[in-house]
Amino acid sequence: MRIAELATALVLMGLSVWFMVLATALPIGWVPEAGPGGGAFPFWLSAGMFVCAALILWRETRVAPRFKRVAIFIHPAASGQMAVAAGGLVAMVALLPLVGAYIAIPAFMIGYLKVIGKTGWVTPILLSVGTVLFMFFFFEVSLKILLPKGWTEPWFYPLYAMFF
């Protein structure tokens, strides 16, 4: 499976460079009186992805332990959990344009923590509410990056009046 890890790292590094090049079509620096340019977040997120993939590539090019050469990539017991997580992510992305980030992301978090994490209700609710508050104040208020809201857009008009 070492080959799969090396190939994945190289593909991710290539995608990262491509995404960084695409992001430079917009300003990636700070725009006076407006906040970060439209390409700043995608560029730096891609740069972070490149660094992480490079670290994986560096780690895997060193001598691999004997057990790692024959270990299976995904344990069969984990494949069901991975399918549930992947299905949840696909559903969340599909719901983003319809219900917006402030409903789709917390719904995914609650579902993931309840189904895969098997937690009670307090932790998922607190994490979801905290994530929504963080996302709003970080992206919308601080960086002035509007997230998709779908049909919930009118709910945000009073907040826009307060913060903009």
N, C-alpha and C. Protein backbone atom coordinates (compact mmCIF):
# COMPACT_ATOMS: atom_id res chain seq x y z
N MET A 1 0.81 -1.19 0.00
CA MET A 1 0.00 0.00 0.00
C MET A 1 0.86 1.25 0.00
N ARG A 2 2.15 1.05 0.11
CA ARG A 2 3.05 2.20 0.08
C ARG A 2 2.93 2.93 -1.25
N ILE A 3 2.76 2.17 -2.33
CA ILE A 3 2.63 2.79 -3.65
C ILE A 3 1.37 3.66 -3.71
N ALA A 4 0.29 3.19 -3.11
CA ALA A 4 -0.95 3.98 -3.10
C ALA A 4 -0.75 5.28 -2.33
N GLU A 5 -0.03 5.23 -1.22
CA GLU A 5 0.20 6.45 -0.44
C GLU A 5 1.10 7.41 -1.20
N LEU A 6 2.14 6.89 -1.86
CA LEU A 6 3.01 7.76 -2.66
C LEU A 6 2.23 8.39 -3.82
N ALA A 7 1.44 7.57 -4.51
CA ALA A 7 0.67 8.09 -5.65
C ALA A 7 -0.35 9.12 -5.19
N THR A 8 -1.02 8.86 -4.08
CA THR A 8 -2.01 9.81 -3.56
C THR A 8 -1.35 11.13 -3.18
N ALA A 9 -0.19 11.05 -2.53
CA ALA A 9 0.52 12.27 -2.16
C ALA A 9 0.91 13.08 -3.39
N LEU A 10 1.40 12.39 -4.43
CA LEU A 10 1.79 13.10 -5.65
C LEU A 10 0.58 13.72 -6.35
N VAL A 11 -0.53 13.00 -6.40
CA VAL A 11 -1.75 13.54 -7.02
C VAL A 11 -2.24 14.76 -6.24
N LEU A 12 -2.24 14.67 -4.90
CA LEU A 12 -2.68 15.80 -4.08
C LEU A 12 -1.76 17.00 -4.25
N MET A 13 -0.46 16.75 -4.38
CA MET A 13 0.47 17.87 -4.60
C MET A 13 0.20 18.53 -5.94
N GLY A 14 -0.04 17.71 -6.98
CA GLY A 14 -0.35 18.26 -8.29
C GLY A 14 -1.64 19.07 -8.28
N LEU A 15 -2.68 18.51 -7.63
CA LEU A 15 -3.95 19.25 -7.51
C LEU A 15 -3.77 20.55 -6.74
N SER A 16 -2.96 20.51 -5.70
CA SER A 16 -2.72 21.72 -4.90
C SER A 16 -2.10 22.82 -5.75
N VAL A 17 -1.10 22.45 -6.54
CA VAL A 17 -0.46 23.45 -7.40
C VAL A 17 -1.47 24.00 -8.40
N TRP A 18 -2.28 23.12 -8.98
CA TRP A 18 -3.29 23.56 -9.94
C TRP A 18 -4.29 24.50 -9.29
N PHE A 19 -4.75 24.16 -8.09
CA PHE A 19 -5.70 25.03 -7.38
C PHE A 19 -5.06 26.37 -7.04
N MET A 20 -3.78 26.37 -6.66
CA MET A 20 -3.11 27.64 -6.35
C MET A 20 -3.01 28.51 -7.59
N VAL A 21 -2.69 27.90 -8.73
CA VAL A 21 -2.62 28.67 -9.98
C VAL A 21 -3.99 29.25 -10.32
N LEU A 22 -5.04 28.44 -10.18
CA LEU A 22 -6.39 28.94 -10.46
C LEU A 22 -6.78 30.07 -9.51
N ALA A 23 -6.35 29.96 -8.25
CA ALA A 23 -6.72 30.98 -7.25
C ALA A 23 -6.05 32.32 -7.54
N THR A 24 -4.91 32.31 -8.23
CA THR A 24 -4.22 33.57 -8.50
C THR A 24 -4.94 34.41 -9.56
N ALA A 25 -5.99 33.88 -10.16
CA ALA A 25 -6.79 34.70 -11.08
C ALA A 25 -7.49 35.83 -10.32
N LEU A 26 -7.69 35.62 -9.02
CA LEU A 26 -8.26 36.64 -8.15
C LEU A 26 -7.16 37.13 -7.21
N PRO A 27 -7.32 38.29 -6.60
CA PRO A 27 -6.30 38.77 -5.67
C PRO A 27 -6.17 37.82 -4.47
N ILE A 28 -4.92 37.47 -4.13
CA ILE A 28 -4.72 36.57 -2.99
C ILE A 28 -4.24 37.32 -1.75
N GLY A 29 -4.00 38.59 -1.89
CA GLY A 29 -3.57 39.39 -0.74
C GLY A 29 -4.74 40.12 -0.10
N TRP A 30 -4.39 41.05 0.77
CA TRP A 30 -5.40 41.84 1.48
C TRP A 30 -5.80 43.03 0.62
N VAL A 31 -7.10 43.19 0.39
CA VAL A 31 -7.62 44.30 -0.40
C VAL A 31 -8.03 45.39 0.59
N PRO A 32 -7.43 46.60 0.50
CA PRO A 32 -7.78 47.66 1.44
C PRO A 32 -9.28 47.95 1.44
N GLU A 33 -9.83 48.12 2.63
CA GLU A 33 -11.23 48.46 2.83
C GLU A 33 -12.20 47.33 2.45
N ALA A 34 -11.66 46.16 2.03
CA ALA A 34 -12.56 45.08 1.61
C ALA A 34 -12.22 43.75 2.28
N GLY A 35 -11.02 43.61 2.78
CA GLY A 35 -10.63 42.34 3.39
C GLY A 35 -9.78 41.51 2.44
N PRO A 36 -9.70 40.22 2.67
CA PRO A 36 -8.86 39.38 1.81
C PRO A 36 -9.45 39.28 0.41
N GLY A 37 -8.56 39.14 -0.57
CA GLY A 37 -9.01 38.99 -1.94
C GLY A 37 -9.77 37.69 -2.13
N GLY A 38 -10.48 37.61 -3.23
CA GLY A 38 -11.30 36.43 -3.50
C GLY A 38 -10.50 35.15 -3.65
N GLY A 39 -9.23 35.25 -3.97
CA GLY A 39 -8.41 34.05 -4.13
C GLY A 39 -7.58 33.70 -2.92
N ALA A 40 -7.65 34.51 -1.87
CA ALA A 40 -6.79 34.29 -0.70
C ALA A 40 -7.09 32.96 -0.01
N PHE A 41 -8.35 32.73 0.32
CA PHE A 41 -8.69 31.50 1.04
C PHE A 41 -8.38 30.26 0.21
N PRO A 42 -8.79 30.17 -1.08
CA PRO A 42 -8.46 28.99 -1.86
C PRO A 42 -6.95 28.80 -2.03
N PHE A 43 -6.22 29.91 -2.22
CA PHE A 43 -4.78 29.80 -2.42
C PHE A 43 -4.10 29.24 -1.18
N TRP A 44 -4.38 29.81 -0.02
CA TRP A 44 -3.67 29.37 1.18
C TRP A 44 -4.16 28.01 1.66
N LEU A 45 -5.40 27.67 1.41
CA LEU A 45 -5.88 26.33 1.72
C LEU A 45 -5.16 25.31 0.84
N SER A 46 -4.99 25.63 -0.43
CA SER A 46 -4.26 24.74 -1.34
C SER A 46 -2.79 24.65 -0.96
N ALA A 47 -2.21 25.76 -0.51
CA ALA A 47 -0.82 25.72 -0.07
C ALA A 47 -0.67 24.81 1.15
N GLY A 48 -1.61 24.88 2.08
CA GLY A 48 -1.58 23.97 3.23
C GLY A 48 -1.74 22.53 2.82
N MET A 49 -2.62 22.28 1.84
CA MET A 49 -2.80 20.92 1.33
C MET A 49 -1.51 20.42 0.68
N PHE A 50 -0.81 21.28 -0.04
CA PHE A 50 0.46 20.91 -0.66
C PHE A 50 1.49 20.52 0.40
N VAL A 51 1.59 21.32 1.45
CA VAL A 51 2.55 21.03 2.52
C VAL A 51 2.24 19.68 3.18
N CYS A 52 0.97 19.43 3.47
CA CYS A 52 0.58 18.16 4.09
C CYS A 52 0.90 16.98 3.18
N ALA A 53 0.60 17.11 1.88
CA ALA A 53 0.89 16.04 0.94
C ALA A 53 2.40 15.84 0.80
N ALA A 54 3.17 16.92 0.84
CA ALA A 54 4.63 16.80 0.77
C ALA A 54 5.17 16.08 2.00
N LEU A 55 4.59 16.35 3.16
CA LEU A 55 5.02 15.64 4.37
C LEU A 55 4.69 14.15 4.29
N ILE A 56 3.55 13.81 3.73
CA ILE A 56 3.20 12.40 3.53
C ILE A 56 4.19 11.76 2.57
N LEU A 57 4.50 12.44 1.48
CA LEU A 57 5.46 11.92 0.50
C LEU A 57 6.83 11.73 1.15
N TRP A 58 7.27 12.70 1.93
CA TRP A 58 8.56 12.60 2.61
C TRP A 58 8.58 11.42 3.57
N ARG A 59 7.50 11.26 4.35
CA ARG A 59 7.43 10.16 5.31
C ARG A 59 7.45 8.81 4.61
N GLU A 60 6.74 8.70 3.50
CA GLU A 60 6.64 7.42 2.81
C GLU A 60 7.88 7.08 2.00
N THR A 61 8.71 8.06 1.66
CA THR A 61 9.92 7.75 0.92
C THR A 61 11.02 7.22 1.82
N ARG A 62 10.87 7.42 3.12
CA ARG A 62 11.83 6.82 4.04
C ARG A 62 11.58 5.32 4.08
N VAL A 63 12.45 4.57 4.71
CA VAL A 63 12.31 3.12 4.76
C VAL A 63 11.03 2.77 5.50
N ALA A 64 10.16 2.04 4.83
CA ALA A 64 8.89 1.65 5.43
C ALA A 64 9.08 0.42 6.31
N PRO A 65 8.40 0.37 7.44
CA PRO A 65 8.48 -0.83 8.28
C PRO A 65 7.93 -2.05 7.53
N ARG A 66 8.42 -3.22 7.91
CA ARG A 66 8.02 -4.46 7.23
C ARG A 66 6.50 -4.65 7.27
N PHE A 67 5.85 -4.38 8.42
CA PHE A 67 4.41 -4.60 8.53
C PHE A 67 3.62 -3.69 7.61
N LYS A 68 4.17 -2.53 7.31
CA LYS A 68 3.44 -1.57 6.49
C LYS A 68 3.40 -2.01 5.03
N ARG A 69 4.38 -2.78 4.61
CA ARG A 69 4.42 -3.22 3.22
C ARG A 69 3.31 -4.20 2.89
N VAL A 70 2.85 -4.95 3.88
CA VAL A 70 1.84 -5.98 3.63
C VAL A 70 0.49 -5.62 4.25
N ALA A 71 0.41 -4.53 4.96
CA ALA A 71 -0.84 -4.16 5.63
C ALA A 71 -1.89 -3.76 4.59
N ILE A 72 -3.14 -4.10 4.86
CA ILE A 72 -4.21 -3.71 3.95
C ILE A 72 -4.50 -2.22 4.13
N PHE A 73 -4.97 -1.60 3.06
CA PHE A 73 -5.17 -0.16 3.06
C PHE A 73 -6.36 0.23 3.92
N ILE A 74 -7.49 -0.44 3.74
CA ILE A 74 -8.70 -0.16 4.52
C ILE A 74 -9.16 -1.47 5.14
N HIS A 75 -9.27 -1.49 6.44
CA HIS A 75 -9.74 -2.69 7.12
C HIS A 75 -11.21 -2.90 6.79
N PRO A 76 -11.61 -4.14 6.52
CA PRO A 76 -13.01 -4.38 6.14
C PRO A 76 -14.02 -3.90 7.18
N ALA A 77 -13.66 -3.93 8.45
CA ALA A 77 -14.59 -3.47 9.49
C ALA A 77 -14.84 -1.97 9.39
N ALA A 78 -13.89 -1.23 8.86
CA ALA A 78 -14.02 0.22 8.77
C ALA A 78 -14.72 0.67 7.49
N SER A 79 -14.88 -0.23 6.53
CA SER A 79 -15.44 0.19 5.24
C SER A 79 -16.89 0.68 5.37
N GLY A 80 -17.67 0.09 6.27
CA GLY A 80 -19.04 0.56 6.48
C GLY A 80 -19.08 1.97 7.03
N GLN A 81 -18.22 2.24 8.01
CA GLN A 81 -18.16 3.59 8.58
C GLN A 81 -17.70 4.60 7.52
N MET A 82 -16.76 4.19 6.69
CA MET A 82 -16.29 5.09 5.64
C MET A 82 -17.40 5.37 4.62
N ALA A 83 -18.20 4.37 4.31
CA ALA A 83 -19.31 4.57 3.38
C ALA A 83 -20.34 5.53 3.96
N VAL A 84 -20.63 5.39 5.25
CA VAL A 84 -21.59 6.30 5.90
C VAL A 84 -21.03 7.73 5.90
N ALA A 85 -19.75 7.88 6.22
CA ALA A 85 -19.14 9.21 6.24
C ALA A 85 -19.12 9.82 4.84
N ALA A 86 -18.75 9.03 3.83
CA ALA A 86 -18.72 9.54 2.46
C ALA A 86 -20.13 9.90 1.99
N GLY A 87 -21.11 9.07 2.31
CA GLY A 87 -22.49 9.39 1.94
C GLY A 87 -22.98 10.66 2.61
N GLY A 88 -22.60 10.84 3.88
CA GLY A 88 -22.97 12.06 4.58
C GLY A 88 -22.34 13.30 3.97
N LEU A 89 -21.08 13.18 3.56
CA LEU A 89 -20.40 14.31 2.92
C LEU A 89 -21.06 14.66 1.58
N VAL A 90 -21.38 13.63 0.80
CA VAL A 90 -22.04 13.88 -0.49
C VAL A 90 -23.39 14.56 -0.26
N ALA A 91 -24.14 14.08 0.72
CA ALA A 91 -25.44 14.70 1.03
C ALA A 91 -25.26 16.15 1.48
N MET A 92 -24.24 16.41 2.30
CA MET A 92 -24.00 17.77 2.78
C MET A 92 -23.69 18.70 1.61
N VAL A 93 -22.81 18.27 0.72
CA VAL A 93 -22.45 19.11 -0.43
C VAL A 93 -23.67 19.32 -1.33
N ALA A 94 -24.49 18.29 -1.49
CA ALA A 94 -25.70 18.43 -2.32
C ALA A 94 -26.70 19.40 -1.69
N LEU A 95 -26.74 19.45 -0.36
CA LEU A 95 -27.68 20.33 0.33
C LEU A 95 -27.20 21.78 0.42
N LEU A 96 -25.91 22.03 0.25
CA LEU A 96 -25.38 23.39 0.40
C LEU A 96 -26.13 24.44 -0.42
N PRO A 97 -26.34 24.23 -1.72
CA PRO A 97 -27.05 25.29 -2.46
C PRO A 97 -28.52 25.42 -2.08
N LEU A 98 -29.10 24.36 -1.54
CA LEU A 98 -30.53 24.39 -1.21
C LEU A 98 -30.80 25.02 0.15
N VAL A 99 -30.14 24.51 1.18
CA VAL A 99 -30.42 24.98 2.54
C VAL A 99 -29.30 25.84 3.11
N GLY A 100 -28.16 25.90 2.43
CA GLY A 100 -27.06 26.74 2.88
C GLY A 100 -26.11 26.03 3.83
N ALA A 101 -24.98 26.68 4.03
CA ALA A 101 -23.92 26.12 4.87
C ALA A 101 -24.33 26.04 6.33
N TYR A 102 -25.18 26.97 6.76
CA TYR A 102 -25.51 27.05 8.17
C TYR A 102 -26.53 25.99 8.61
N ILE A 103 -27.07 25.25 7.68
CA ILE A 103 -27.93 24.11 8.02
C ILE A 103 -27.25 22.81 7.60
N ALA A 104 -26.66 22.77 6.39
CA ALA A 104 -26.07 21.54 5.87
C ALA A 104 -24.89 21.07 6.72
N ILE A 105 -23.99 21.97 7.10
CA ILE A 105 -22.80 21.57 7.86
C ILE A 105 -23.17 21.09 9.26
N PRO A 106 -24.00 21.81 10.02
CA PRO A 106 -24.39 21.27 11.33
C PRO A 106 -25.17 19.96 11.22
N ALA A 107 -26.00 19.82 10.19
CA ALA A 107 -26.73 18.56 10.02
C ALA A 107 -25.76 17.41 9.80
N PHE A 108 -24.72 17.64 8.99
CA PHE A 108 -23.70 16.60 8.79
C PHE A 108 -22.98 16.29 10.09
N MET A 109 -22.60 17.33 10.82
CA MET A 109 -21.87 17.12 12.08
C MET A 109 -22.70 16.32 13.08
N ILE A 110 -23.96 16.68 13.21
CA ILE A 110 -24.83 15.97 14.15
C ILE A 110 -25.00 14.52 13.70
N GLY A 111 -25.26 14.31 12.42
CA GLY A 111 -25.41 12.95 11.91
C GLY A 111 -24.15 12.13 12.09
N TYR A 112 -23.02 12.73 11.78
CA TYR A 112 -21.74 12.01 11.89
C TYR A 112 -21.46 11.63 13.34
N LEU A 113 -21.61 12.59 14.24
CA LEU A 113 -21.32 12.31 15.65
C LEU A 113 -22.31 11.32 16.25
N LYS A 114 -23.56 11.36 15.81
CA LYS A 114 -24.56 10.42 16.34
C LYS A 114 -24.36 9.02 15.75
N VAL A 115 -24.16 8.91 14.43
CA VAL A 115 -24.09 7.60 13.78
C VAL A 115 -22.72 6.95 13.96
N ILE A 116 -21.67 7.66 13.61
CA ILE A 116 -20.33 7.07 13.68
C ILE A 116 -19.74 7.22 15.08
N GLY A 117 -19.91 8.39 15.67
CA GLY A 117 -19.34 8.62 17.00
C GLY A 117 -20.14 8.02 18.13
N LYS A 118 -21.41 7.71 17.86
CA LYS A 118 -22.30 7.13 18.88
C LYS A 118 -22.30 7.95 20.17
N THR A 119 -22.36 9.27 20.01
CA THR A 119 -22.39 10.15 21.18
C THR A 119 -23.83 10.48 21.55
N GLY A 120 -23.99 11.13 22.67
CA GLY A 120 -25.31 11.62 23.07
C GLY A 120 -25.67 12.85 22.25
N TRP A 121 -26.67 13.59 22.70
CA TRP A 121 -27.12 14.76 21.97
C TRP A 121 -26.38 16.04 22.35
N VAL A 122 -25.85 16.13 23.55
CA VAL A 122 -25.26 17.39 24.02
C VAL A 122 -24.03 17.76 23.19
N THR A 123 -23.11 16.84 23.01
CA THR A 123 -21.87 17.14 22.28
C THR A 123 -22.14 17.56 20.84
N PRO A 124 -22.92 16.81 20.06
CA PRO A 124 -23.16 17.25 18.68
C PRO A 124 -23.87 18.60 18.58
N ILE A 125 -24.82 18.85 19.47
CA ILE A 125 -25.54 20.13 19.42
C ILE A 125 -24.59 21.29 19.75
N LEU A 126 -23.81 21.14 20.83
CA LEU A 126 -22.88 22.21 21.20
C LEU A 126 -21.84 22.45 20.12
N LEU A 127 -21.28 21.38 19.55
CA LEU A 127 -20.29 21.54 18.49
C LEU A 127 -20.91 22.19 17.25
N SER A 128 -22.11 21.80 16.91
CA SER A 128 -22.76 22.36 15.72
C SER A 128 -23.07 23.84 15.90
N VAL A 129 -23.61 24.20 17.04
CA VAL A 129 -23.91 25.62 17.31
C VAL A 129 -22.62 26.43 17.34
N GLY A 130 -21.59 25.90 18.00
CA GLY A 130 -20.30 26.59 18.05
C GLY A 130 -19.69 26.75 16.67
N THR A 131 -19.82 25.73 15.84
CA THR A 131 -19.28 25.80 14.48
C THR A 131 -20.02 26.85 13.65
N VAL A 132 -21.32 26.88 13.77
CA VAL A 132 -22.11 27.87 13.02
C VAL A 132 -21.74 29.29 13.45
N LEU A 133 -21.62 29.51 14.75
CA LEU A 133 -21.24 30.85 15.23
C LEU A 133 -19.84 31.22 14.75
N PHE A 134 -18.90 30.28 14.84
CA PHE A 134 -17.54 30.54 14.38
C PHE A 134 -17.54 30.86 12.89
N MET A 135 -18.25 30.04 12.10
CA MET A 135 -18.28 30.26 10.65
C MET A 135 -18.84 31.63 10.31
N PHE A 136 -19.92 32.01 10.97
CA PHE A 136 -20.53 33.30 10.66
C PHE A 136 -19.57 34.45 10.99
N PHE A 137 -19.03 34.45 12.21
CA PHE A 137 -18.19 35.58 12.61
C PHE A 137 -16.84 35.57 11.90
N PHE A 138 -16.31 34.39 11.59
CA PHE A 138 -15.02 34.34 10.90
C PHE A 138 -15.16 34.70 9.43
N PHE A 139 -16.05 34.02 8.73
CA PHE A 139 -16.15 34.23 7.29
C PHE A 139 -16.96 35.47 6.93
N GLU A 140 -18.14 35.61 7.49
CA GLU A 140 -19.03 36.68 7.05
C GLU A 140 -18.65 38.03 7.66
N VAL A 141 -18.37 38.05 8.96
CA VAL A 141 -18.10 39.33 9.61
C VAL A 141 -16.64 39.73 9.44
N SER A 142 -15.70 38.85 9.79
CA SER A 142 -14.29 39.22 9.76
C SER A 142 -13.73 39.28 8.35
N LEU A 143 -13.91 38.21 7.57
CA LEU A 143 -13.30 38.16 6.24
C LEU A 143 -14.21 38.69 5.14
N LYS A 144 -15.47 38.91 5.47
CA LYS A 144 -16.45 39.40 4.49
C LYS A 144 -16.59 38.44 3.30
N ILE A 145 -16.52 37.14 3.60
CA ILE A 145 -16.74 36.09 2.60
C ILE A 145 -18.12 35.51 2.88
N LEU A 146 -19.05 35.73 1.97
CA LEU A 146 -20.41 35.25 2.18
C LEU A 146 -20.50 33.78 1.83
N LEU A 147 -21.03 32.99 2.75
CA LEU A 147 -21.21 31.56 2.52
C LEU A 147 -22.59 31.33 1.92
N PRO A 148 -22.77 30.21 1.21
CA PRO A 148 -24.09 29.94 0.63
C PRO A 148 -25.14 29.75 1.72
N LYS A 149 -26.32 30.33 1.49
CA LYS A 149 -27.38 30.26 2.50
C LYS A 149 -28.65 29.62 1.98
N GLY A 150 -28.76 29.41 0.68
CA GLY A 150 -29.97 28.79 0.14
C GLY A 150 -31.21 29.59 0.50
N TRP A 151 -32.29 28.88 0.85
CA TRP A 151 -33.55 29.55 1.17
C TRP A 151 -33.51 30.24 2.53
N THR A 152 -32.43 30.07 3.30
CA THR A 152 -32.34 30.73 4.61
C THR A 152 -31.78 32.15 4.52
N GLU A 153 -31.48 32.61 3.32
CA GLU A 153 -30.89 33.95 3.14
C GLU A 153 -31.68 35.05 3.86
N PRO A 154 -33.00 35.11 3.79
CA PRO A 154 -33.72 36.19 4.49
C PRO A 154 -33.51 36.19 6.00
N TRP A 155 -33.21 35.06 6.59
CA TRP A 155 -32.95 35.01 8.03
C TRP A 155 -31.73 35.84 8.41
N PHE A 156 -30.83 36.08 7.46
CA PHE A 156 -29.58 36.76 7.76
C PHE A 156 -29.64 38.26 7.55
N TYR A 157 -30.70 38.77 6.98
CA TYR A 157 -30.81 40.21 6.74
C TYR A 157 -30.67 41.04 8.01
N PRO A 158 -31.31 40.66 9.12
CA PRO A 158 -31.10 41.45 10.35
C PRO A 158 -29.65 41.40 10.84
N LEU A 159 -29.00 40.26 10.67
CA LEU A 159 -27.59 40.17 11.08
C LEU A 159 -26.71 41.03 10.19
N TYR A 160 -27.00 41.04 8.88
CA TYR A 160 -26.23 41.91 7.99
C TYR A 160 -26.39 43.37 8.38
N ALA A 161 -27.59 43.76 8.78
CA ALA A 161 -27.84 45.14 9.19
C ALA A 161 -27.03 45.49 10.44
N MET A 162 -26.83 44.51 11.32
CA MET A 162 -26.07 44.76 12.55
C MET A 162 -24.56 44.84 12.31
N PHE A 163 -24.03 44.02 11.39
CA PHE A 163 -22.58 43.89 11.26
C PHE A 163 -21.99 44.58 10.04
N PHE A 164 -22.83 45.04 9.11
CA PHE A 164 -22.25 45.65 7.90
C PHE A 164 -22.73 47.06 7.73
